[in-house]
Amino acid sequence: MGQNKPDPDGHRGLVVNTASVAAFEGQVGQAASSASKGGIVAMTLPIARDLAPLGLRVVTIAPLFSTPLPASLPEKVQNFLGQQVPFPSRLGHPAEYTHLVQALAEN
C-alpha cells in the first residue's frame, strides 16, 4: 500500500481493523476475547503514527454487531447485549458496518 500512487493530498490507503466493544467492556467469560480486542485497539494509534508518513491512515472499529458469534447465543443473551447499546438499543447489522467502512474510505 505504501507504494500506491498518492492522491492529490498524499493519501495512499486505509487500514481498517475490527476490534469489539469487548475491548472496553468485556463481560464474564470474555477475558481472552477482551484481551485480544484490546490489543487491536492499543496498536491503532502507534501504527497510525508509523504509517502516516507513507500517506496511510489506520483506524479501528469496535462494534457490537449481530455476527455469527452473537447470533449463536441464546436470544435472551442477544437481547441483553442489544440493551447495553445506548441508541439504538440493539445489535448492529452487517450492512451498517459496511456503510461505516465505506464512509471511512471516502472521507
N, C-alpha and C. Protein backbone atom coordinates (compact mmCIF):
# COMPACT_ATOMS: atom_id res chain seq x y z
N MET A 1 0.82 -1.19 0.00
CA MET A 1 0.00 0.00 0.00
C MET A 1 0.87 1.25 0.00
N GLY A 2 1.98 1.19 0.69
CA GLY A 2 2.88 2.34 0.74
C GLY A 2 3.46 2.69 -0.62
N GLN A 3 3.36 1.78 -1.57
CA GLN A 3 3.86 2.01 -2.93
C GLN A 3 2.77 2.54 -3.85
N ASN A 4 1.53 2.62 -3.37
CA ASN A 4 0.43 3.14 -4.20
C ASN A 4 0.74 4.57 -4.62
N LYS A 5 0.21 4.92 -5.78
CA LYS A 5 0.33 6.30 -6.24
C LYS A 5 -0.53 7.17 -5.32
N PRO A 6 0.04 8.21 -4.73
CA PRO A 6 -0.75 9.05 -3.82
C PRO A 6 -1.76 9.90 -4.57
N ASP A 7 -2.88 10.18 -3.89
CA ASP A 7 -3.85 11.11 -4.47
C ASP A 7 -3.31 12.53 -4.28
N PRO A 8 -4.02 13.56 -4.72
CA PRO A 8 -3.50 14.93 -4.61
C PRO A 8 -3.16 15.37 -3.18
N ASP A 9 -3.81 14.74 -2.17
CA ASP A 9 -3.50 15.09 -0.79
C ASP A 9 -2.41 14.21 -0.18
N GLY A 10 -1.89 13.25 -0.95
CA GLY A 10 -0.84 12.38 -0.45
C GLY A 10 -1.34 11.07 0.14
N HIS A 11 -2.64 10.83 0.11
CA HIS A 11 -3.20 9.58 0.65
C HIS A 11 -2.87 8.41 -0.25
N ARG A 12 -2.46 7.32 0.38
CA ARG A 12 -2.15 6.11 -0.39
C ARG A 12 -3.03 4.93 0.00
N GLY A 13 -3.73 5.02 1.11
CA GLY A 13 -4.55 3.89 1.50
C GLY A 13 -5.08 4.01 2.91
N LEU A 14 -5.90 3.03 3.25
CA LEU A 14 -6.57 2.99 4.55
C LEU A 14 -6.55 1.56 5.08
N VAL A 15 -6.16 1.41 6.34
CA VAL A 15 -6.22 0.13 7.03
C VAL A 15 -7.36 0.22 8.03
N VAL A 16 -8.33 -0.68 7.92
CA VAL A 16 -9.46 -0.72 8.85
C VAL A 16 -9.36 -2.01 9.64
N ASN A 17 -9.08 -1.88 10.93
CA ASN A 17 -9.07 -3.03 11.83
C ASN A 17 -10.43 -3.14 12.50
N THR A 18 -10.76 -4.35 12.91
CA THR A 18 -12.00 -4.56 13.64
C THR A 18 -11.68 -5.15 15.00
N ALA A 19 -12.08 -4.46 16.04
CA ALA A 19 -11.95 -4.96 17.41
C ALA A 19 -13.35 -5.37 17.86
N SER A 20 -13.75 -4.95 19.00
CA SER A 20 -15.07 -5.24 19.54
C SER A 20 -15.29 -4.34 20.73
N VAL A 21 -16.53 -4.11 21.04
CA VAL A 21 -16.83 -3.36 22.25
C VAL A 21 -16.26 -4.08 23.47
N ALA A 22 -16.02 -5.38 23.33
CA ALA A 22 -15.43 -6.16 24.43
C ALA A 22 -14.02 -5.66 24.78
N ALA A 23 -13.38 -4.92 23.88
CA ALA A 23 -12.08 -4.34 24.19
C ALA A 23 -12.18 -3.36 25.34
N PHE A 24 -13.34 -2.74 25.50
CA PHE A 24 -13.56 -1.72 26.52
C PHE A 24 -14.47 -2.20 27.64
N GLU A 25 -15.39 -3.10 27.33
CA GLU A 25 -16.40 -3.53 28.29
C GLU A 25 -16.58 -5.04 28.27
N GLY A 26 -15.50 -5.76 28.50
CA GLY A 26 -15.58 -7.22 28.50
C GLY A 26 -16.48 -7.73 29.61
N GLN A 27 -17.19 -8.79 29.29
CA GLN A 27 -18.12 -9.39 30.24
C GLN A 27 -17.51 -10.67 30.81
N VAL A 28 -18.20 -11.27 31.75
CA VAL A 28 -17.78 -12.54 32.34
C VAL A 28 -17.58 -13.55 31.22
N GLY A 29 -16.48 -14.26 31.26
CA GLY A 29 -16.19 -15.27 30.26
C GLY A 29 -15.55 -14.73 28.99
N GLN A 30 -15.27 -13.43 28.95
CA GLN A 30 -14.70 -12.82 27.74
C GLN A 30 -13.25 -12.37 27.93
N ALA A 31 -12.56 -12.90 28.89
CA ALA A 31 -11.20 -12.42 29.17
C ALA A 31 -10.29 -12.52 27.95
N ALA A 32 -10.25 -13.66 27.30
CA ALA A 32 -9.36 -13.83 26.14
C ALA A 32 -9.80 -12.92 25.00
N SER A 33 -11.08 -12.87 24.74
CA SER A 33 -11.59 -12.03 23.66
C SER A 33 -11.32 -10.56 23.96
N SER A 34 -11.58 -10.14 25.18
CA SER A 34 -11.34 -8.74 25.55
C SER A 34 -9.87 -8.38 25.42
N ALA A 35 -9.00 -9.28 25.84
CA ALA A 35 -7.57 -9.00 25.75
C ALA A 35 -7.11 -8.88 24.30
N SER A 36 -7.58 -9.79 23.44
CA SER A 36 -7.15 -9.72 22.04
C SER A 36 -7.71 -8.49 21.35
N LYS A 37 -8.96 -8.15 21.63
CA LYS A 37 -9.55 -6.95 21.02
C LYS A 37 -8.91 -5.69 21.58
N GLY A 38 -8.57 -5.71 22.87
CA GLY A 38 -7.86 -4.58 23.47
C GLY A 38 -6.50 -4.36 22.82
N GLY A 39 -5.84 -5.44 22.44
CA GLY A 39 -4.56 -5.33 21.73
C GLY A 39 -4.72 -4.63 20.40
N ILE A 40 -5.80 -4.94 19.69
CA ILE A 40 -6.06 -4.28 18.41
C ILE A 40 -6.25 -2.78 18.63
N VAL A 41 -7.04 -2.44 19.65
CA VAL A 41 -7.28 -1.02 19.94
C VAL A 41 -5.96 -0.34 20.33
N ALA A 42 -5.16 -0.99 21.16
CA ALA A 42 -3.92 -0.38 21.65
C ALA A 42 -2.90 -0.16 20.54
N MET A 43 -2.91 -1.00 19.50
CA MET A 43 -1.92 -0.84 18.44
C MET A 43 -2.33 0.19 17.39
N THR A 44 -3.59 0.62 17.41
CA THR A 44 -4.08 1.50 16.35
C THR A 44 -3.31 2.81 16.27
N LEU A 45 -3.19 3.53 17.35
CA LEU A 45 -2.52 4.84 17.31
C LEU A 45 -1.04 4.72 16.96
N PRO A 46 -0.27 3.80 17.57
CA PRO A 46 1.14 3.72 17.18
C PRO A 46 1.33 3.33 15.71
N ILE A 47 0.48 2.42 15.20
CA ILE A 47 0.62 2.04 13.80
C ILE A 47 0.20 3.20 12.90
N ALA A 48 -0.85 3.93 13.29
CA ALA A 48 -1.26 5.10 12.52
C ALA A 48 -0.12 6.11 12.45
N ARG A 49 0.57 6.31 13.54
CA ARG A 49 1.70 7.24 13.55
C ARG A 49 2.85 6.72 12.69
N ASP A 50 3.10 5.41 12.75
CA ASP A 50 4.17 4.83 11.94
C ASP A 50 3.89 4.95 10.44
N LEU A 51 2.63 4.77 10.05
CA LEU A 51 2.29 4.74 8.63
C LEU A 51 1.89 6.09 8.04
N ALA A 52 1.63 7.07 8.88
CA ALA A 52 1.23 8.39 8.39
C ALA A 52 2.23 8.99 7.41
N PRO A 53 3.53 8.88 7.65
CA PRO A 53 4.48 9.46 6.70
C PRO A 53 4.38 8.83 5.30
N LEU A 54 3.82 7.62 5.21
CA LEU A 54 3.64 6.96 3.91
C LEU A 54 2.31 7.34 3.26
N GLY A 55 1.51 8.15 3.96
CA GLY A 55 0.21 8.53 3.42
C GLY A 55 -0.87 7.50 3.68
N LEU A 56 -0.68 6.67 4.71
CA LEU A 56 -1.64 5.63 5.06
C LEU A 56 -2.35 5.99 6.35
N ARG A 57 -3.66 5.81 6.35
CA ARG A 57 -4.46 6.01 7.56
C ARG A 57 -4.77 4.65 8.17
N VAL A 58 -4.89 4.63 9.50
CA VAL A 58 -5.21 3.41 10.23
C VAL A 58 -6.30 3.73 11.23
N VAL A 59 -7.38 2.96 11.19
CA VAL A 59 -8.48 3.14 12.13
C VAL A 59 -8.91 1.77 12.64
N THR A 60 -9.60 1.78 13.77
CA THR A 60 -10.18 0.56 14.32
C THR A 60 -11.63 0.83 14.67
N ILE A 61 -12.48 -0.08 14.26
CA ILE A 61 -13.90 -0.04 14.60
C ILE A 61 -14.12 -1.05 15.71
N ALA A 62 -14.85 -0.66 16.74
CA ALA A 62 -15.12 -1.56 17.87
C ALA A 62 -16.63 -1.73 18.02
N PRO A 63 -17.21 -2.56 17.17
CA PRO A 63 -18.67 -2.69 17.15
C PRO A 63 -19.22 -3.71 18.14
N LEU A 64 -20.51 -3.67 18.29
CA LEU A 64 -21.28 -4.72 18.94
C LEU A 64 -22.33 -5.11 17.90
N PHE A 65 -21.97 -6.08 17.06
CA PHE A 65 -22.76 -6.39 15.88
C PHE A 65 -23.34 -7.79 15.92
N SER A 66 -24.38 -7.94 15.17
CA SER A 66 -25.01 -9.24 15.01
C SER A 66 -24.24 -10.01 13.95
N THR A 67 -23.22 -10.73 14.40
CA THR A 67 -22.41 -11.58 13.53
C THR A 67 -22.69 -13.03 13.91
N PRO A 68 -22.10 -13.99 13.24
CA PRO A 68 -22.40 -15.38 13.58
C PRO A 68 -22.17 -15.74 15.05
N LEU A 69 -21.15 -15.16 15.69
CA LEU A 69 -20.91 -15.49 17.10
C LEU A 69 -22.04 -15.02 18.00
N PRO A 70 -22.38 -13.72 18.02
CA PRO A 70 -23.51 -13.32 18.85
C PRO A 70 -24.83 -13.98 18.43
N ALA A 71 -24.98 -14.24 17.13
CA ALA A 71 -26.22 -14.87 16.66
C ALA A 71 -26.36 -16.30 17.17
N SER A 72 -25.24 -16.90 17.58
CA SER A 72 -25.29 -18.27 18.11
C SER A 72 -25.67 -18.29 19.60
N LEU A 73 -25.69 -17.13 20.22
CA LEU A 73 -26.05 -17.05 21.64
C LEU A 73 -27.56 -17.15 21.81
N PRO A 74 -28.01 -17.55 22.99
CA PRO A 74 -29.46 -17.58 23.22
C PRO A 74 -30.08 -16.21 23.00
N GLU A 75 -31.31 -16.19 22.56
CA GLU A 75 -31.99 -14.92 22.25
C GLU A 75 -32.00 -13.98 23.45
N LYS A 76 -32.14 -14.54 24.66
CA LYS A 76 -32.13 -13.73 25.87
C LYS A 76 -30.81 -12.97 26.01
N VAL A 77 -29.71 -13.63 25.70
CA VAL A 77 -28.39 -13.01 25.79
C VAL A 77 -28.24 -11.96 24.69
N GLN A 78 -28.70 -12.27 23.48
CA GLN A 78 -28.64 -11.30 22.38
C GLN A 78 -29.43 -10.03 22.75
N ASN A 79 -30.60 -10.21 23.31
CA ASN A 79 -31.41 -9.05 23.72
C ASN A 79 -30.71 -8.25 24.80
N PHE A 80 -30.09 -8.94 25.76
CA PHE A 80 -29.37 -8.26 26.83
C PHE A 80 -28.22 -7.42 26.24
N LEU A 81 -27.46 -8.02 25.32
CA LEU A 81 -26.35 -7.29 24.70
C LEU A 81 -26.85 -6.06 23.96
N GLY A 82 -27.94 -6.22 23.22
CA GLY A 82 -28.50 -5.10 22.48
C GLY A 82 -28.95 -3.97 23.40
N GLN A 83 -29.46 -4.33 24.56
CA GLN A 83 -29.94 -3.32 25.51
C GLN A 83 -28.79 -2.52 26.12
N GLN A 84 -27.55 -3.01 25.99
CA GLN A 84 -26.40 -2.29 26.52
C GLN A 84 -25.99 -1.13 25.62
N VAL A 85 -26.52 -1.11 24.41
CA VAL A 85 -26.21 -0.04 23.46
C VAL A 85 -27.14 1.13 23.74
N PRO A 86 -26.60 2.33 23.98
CA PRO A 86 -27.47 3.47 24.31
C PRO A 86 -28.51 3.79 23.25
N PHE A 87 -28.09 3.88 21.98
CA PHE A 87 -29.06 4.19 20.92
C PHE A 87 -28.48 3.82 19.57
N PRO A 88 -29.18 3.13 18.74
CA PRO A 88 -30.40 2.41 19.04
C PRO A 88 -30.07 1.17 19.88
N SER A 89 -30.93 0.82 20.79
CA SER A 89 -30.68 -0.29 21.72
C SER A 89 -30.88 -1.63 21.03
N ARG A 90 -29.88 -1.98 20.24
CA ARG A 90 -29.90 -3.26 19.52
C ARG A 90 -28.49 -3.53 19.02
N LEU A 91 -28.28 -4.77 18.60
CA LEU A 91 -27.01 -5.09 17.95
C LEU A 91 -27.00 -4.48 16.56
N GLY A 92 -25.83 -4.10 16.11
CA GLY A 92 -25.71 -3.53 14.77
C GLY A 92 -25.90 -4.60 13.70
N HIS A 93 -26.13 -4.15 12.49
CA HIS A 93 -26.32 -5.04 11.34
C HIS A 93 -25.10 -4.97 10.44
N PRO A 94 -24.74 -6.09 9.80
CA PRO A 94 -23.57 -6.09 8.92
C PRO A 94 -23.58 -4.97 7.87
N ALA A 95 -24.73 -4.65 7.31
CA ALA A 95 -24.80 -3.59 6.31
C ALA A 95 -24.38 -2.24 6.90
N GLU A 96 -24.64 -2.02 8.19
CA GLU A 96 -24.22 -0.77 8.84
C GLU A 96 -22.70 -0.72 8.97
N TYR A 97 -22.10 -1.86 9.25
CA TYR A 97 -20.64 -1.94 9.32
C TYR A 97 -20.04 -1.59 7.95
N THR A 98 -20.60 -2.19 6.92
CA THR A 98 -20.14 -1.93 5.56
C THR A 98 -20.25 -0.45 5.21
N HIS A 99 -21.34 0.15 5.59
CA HIS A 99 -21.54 1.57 5.32
C HIS A 99 -20.49 2.41 6.05
N LEU A 100 -20.19 2.05 7.28
CA LEU A 100 -19.17 2.79 8.04
C LEU A 100 -17.81 2.68 7.39
N VAL A 101 -17.43 1.48 6.98
CA VAL A 101 -16.13 1.30 6.31
C VAL A 101 -16.09 2.12 5.02
N GLN A 102 -17.18 2.11 4.27
CA GLN A 102 -17.24 2.91 3.05
C GLN A 102 -17.06 4.39 3.36
N ALA A 103 -17.74 4.87 4.41
CA ALA A 103 -17.61 6.28 4.78
C ALA A 103 -16.17 6.61 5.19
N LEU A 104 -15.52 5.71 5.91
CA LEU A 104 -14.13 5.94 6.30
C LEU A 104 -13.23 6.01 5.07
N ALA A 105 -13.47 5.13 4.11
CA ALA A 105 -12.65 5.13 2.89
C ALA A 105 -12.87 6.39 2.07
N GLU A 106 -14.09 6.86 2.04
CA GLU A 106 -14.41 8.03 1.24
C GLU A 106 -14.02 9.34 1.90
N ASN A 107 -13.84 9.32 3.21
CA ASN A 107 -13.55 10.54 3.95
C ASN A 107 -12.08 10.91 3.78
